[in-house]
C-alpha cells in the first residue's frame, strides 16, 4: 500500500489517456488498486440490474477509476499541474508543498 500525495477533494488534472488535459475533483481514493475516482471524468456505461439504488436498472453511466500515476495535483498559485513534495513545519506538522513555487497545498 502506497502513501499517496493526492487525497479526496483535491483538484487534479489528467495527464494521459482519453481524458487528457481535463480537470476535476477527486471523489474517492482506492489505495489497494492505486486508483481514484474523479468527478464527471472517465464516464463508462454499465448494464445494471434493478436494485435499491437503481430502481429500474438499465444502462447507467458512472465514473470509472483512473490510475493515480495518470493524474497530477493542481496548484492554485501556479495555476497548473505540479509535482508534490513534503515539508515539516515549525510546529511539527507535515504538509504537502508545490515543487514549483513552494506553496503549501494542505488546507
Protein backbone atom coordinates (compact mmCIF):
# COMPACT_ATOMS: atom_id res chain seq x y z
CA UNK A 1 0.00 0.00 0.00
CA UNK A 2 1.37 3.37 -1.03
CA UNK A 3 1.21 6.73 0.69
CA UNK A 4 -0.44 8.91 -1.97
CA UNK A 5 0.21 12.60 -2.44
CA UNK A 6 -3.35 13.01 -3.74
CA UNK A 7 -6.31 13.00 -1.37
CA UNK A 8 -10.09 13.25 -1.50
CA UNK A 9 -11.42 16.71 -2.55
CA UNK A 10 -8.12 17.68 -4.28
CA UNK A 11 -8.26 19.35 -7.72
CA UNK A 12 -6.32 17.24 -10.25
CA UNK A 13 -5.54 17.22 -13.98
CA UNK A 14 -5.45 14.03 -16.07
CA UNK A 15 -2.10 13.73 -17.89
CA UNK A 16 -2.70 10.68 -20.13
CA UNK A 17 -5.50 8.79 -21.85
CA UNK A 18 -8.77 9.84 -23.43
CA UNK A 19 -9.46 12.43 -20.69
CA UNK A 20 -6.02 14.10 -21.06
CA UNK A 21 -5.98 17.78 -20.10
CA UNK A 22 -9.30 17.69 -18.22
CA UNK A 23 -9.52 18.69 -14.57
CA UNK A 24 -11.78 17.58 -11.77
CA UNK A 25 -12.24 16.98 -8.07
CA UNK A 26 -11.20 13.65 -6.50
CA UNK A 27 -14.29 11.89 -5.15
CA UNK A 28 -12.63 8.76 -3.77
CA UNK A 29 -9.13 7.26 -3.44
CA UNK A 30 -8.76 3.46 -3.74
CA UNK A 31 -5.33 2.71 -2.22
CA UNK A 32 -5.43 -1.09 -2.77
CA UNK A 33 -5.67 -0.69 -6.55
CA UNK A 34 -3.72 2.61 -6.69
CA UNK A 35 -6.61 4.36 -8.45
CA UNK A 36 -9.00 7.24 -7.85
CA UNK A 37 -12.45 8.37 -8.94
CA UNK A 38 -12.68 11.88 -10.38
CA UNK A 39 -15.97 13.73 -10.56
CA UNK A 40 -17.53 13.67 -14.07
CA UNK A 41 -14.39 12.18 -15.71
CA UNK A 42 -13.76 8.76 -17.29
CA UNK A 43 -17.50 8.06 -17.63
CA UNK A 44 -18.44 4.49 -18.65
CA UNK A 45 -21.77 2.82 -19.38
CA UNK A 46 -22.74 -0.23 -17.31
CA UNK A 47 -25.70 -2.59 -17.53
CA UNK A 48 -27.37 -2.57 -14.12
CA UNK A 49 -29.94 -4.98 -12.70
CA UNK A 50 -32.75 -3.37 -10.70
CA UNK A 51 -31.74 -2.83 -7.05
CA UNK A 52 -32.46 -0.48 -4.12
CA UNK A 53 -30.14 2.13 -5.58
CA UNK A 54 -31.26 1.75 -9.23
CA UNK A 55 -34.99 1.06 -9.11
CA UNK A 56 -35.47 0.33 -12.82
CA UNK A 57 -31.99 -0.88 -13.73
CA UNK A 58 -30.97 -0.47 -17.37
CA UNK A 59 -27.86 1.18 -18.79
CA UNK A 60 -26.34 3.66 -16.34
CA UNK A 61 -23.35 5.99 -16.68
CA UNK A 62 -20.81 6.21 -13.86
CA UNK A 63 -17.21 7.22 -13.20
CA UNK A 64 -14.53 4.57 -13.68
CA UNK A 65 -11.27 4.61 -11.68
CA UNK A 66 -8.14 6.28 -13.12
CA UNK A 67 -4.61 5.21 -12.13
CA UNK A 68 -3.05 7.62 -9.66
CA UNK A 69 0.06 7.79 -11.90
CA UNK A 70 -2.04 9.35 -14.68
CA UNK A 71 -3.05 12.47 -12.73
CA UNK A 72 -1.23 15.48 -11.26
CA UNK A 73 -2.29 17.78 -8.46
CA UNK A 74 -3.23 21.36 -9.41
CA UNK A 75 -1.60 24.26 -7.56
CA UNK A 76 -3.83 27.31 -7.05
CA UNK A 77 -0.86 29.70 -7.14
CA UNK A 78 0.91 28.16 -10.20
CA UNK A 79 -2.43 27.59 -11.99
CA UNK A 80 -1.26 24.26 -13.39
CA UNK A 81 -0.29 20.66 -12.67
CA UNK A 82 2.65 20.30 -10.28
CA UNK A 83 4.76 17.69 -8.56
CA UNK A 84 4.24 17.42 -4.83
CA UNK A 85 6.82 17.40 -2.04
CA UNK A 86 6.56 17.13 1.71
CA UNK A 87 7.73 19.57 4.34
CA UNK A 88 7.69 19.64 8.12
CA UNK A 89 6.58 22.98 9.53
CA UNK A 90 8.00 24.63 12.67
CA UNK A 91 5.12 23.27 14.77
CA UNK A 92 5.99 19.70 13.66
CA UNK A 93 3.07 19.32 11.24
CA UNK A 94 3.73 17.52 7.91
CA UNK A 95 2.28 19.29 4.86
CA UNK A 96 2.29 18.85 1.09
CA UNK A 97 4.04 21.59 -0.88
CA UNK A 98 4.21 22.58 -4.56
CA UNK A 99 7.64 21.81 -6.04
CA UNK A 100 7.42 24.84 -8.40
CA UNK A 101 6.52 27.68 -6.05
CA UNK A 102 6.79 26.16 -2.56
CA UNK A 103 3.14 26.93 -1.78
CA UNK A 104 1.57 24.76 0.97
CA UNK A 105 -1.18 22.64 -0.67
CA UNK A 106 -2.93 21.42 2.50
CA UNK A 107 -5.87 23.46 3.73
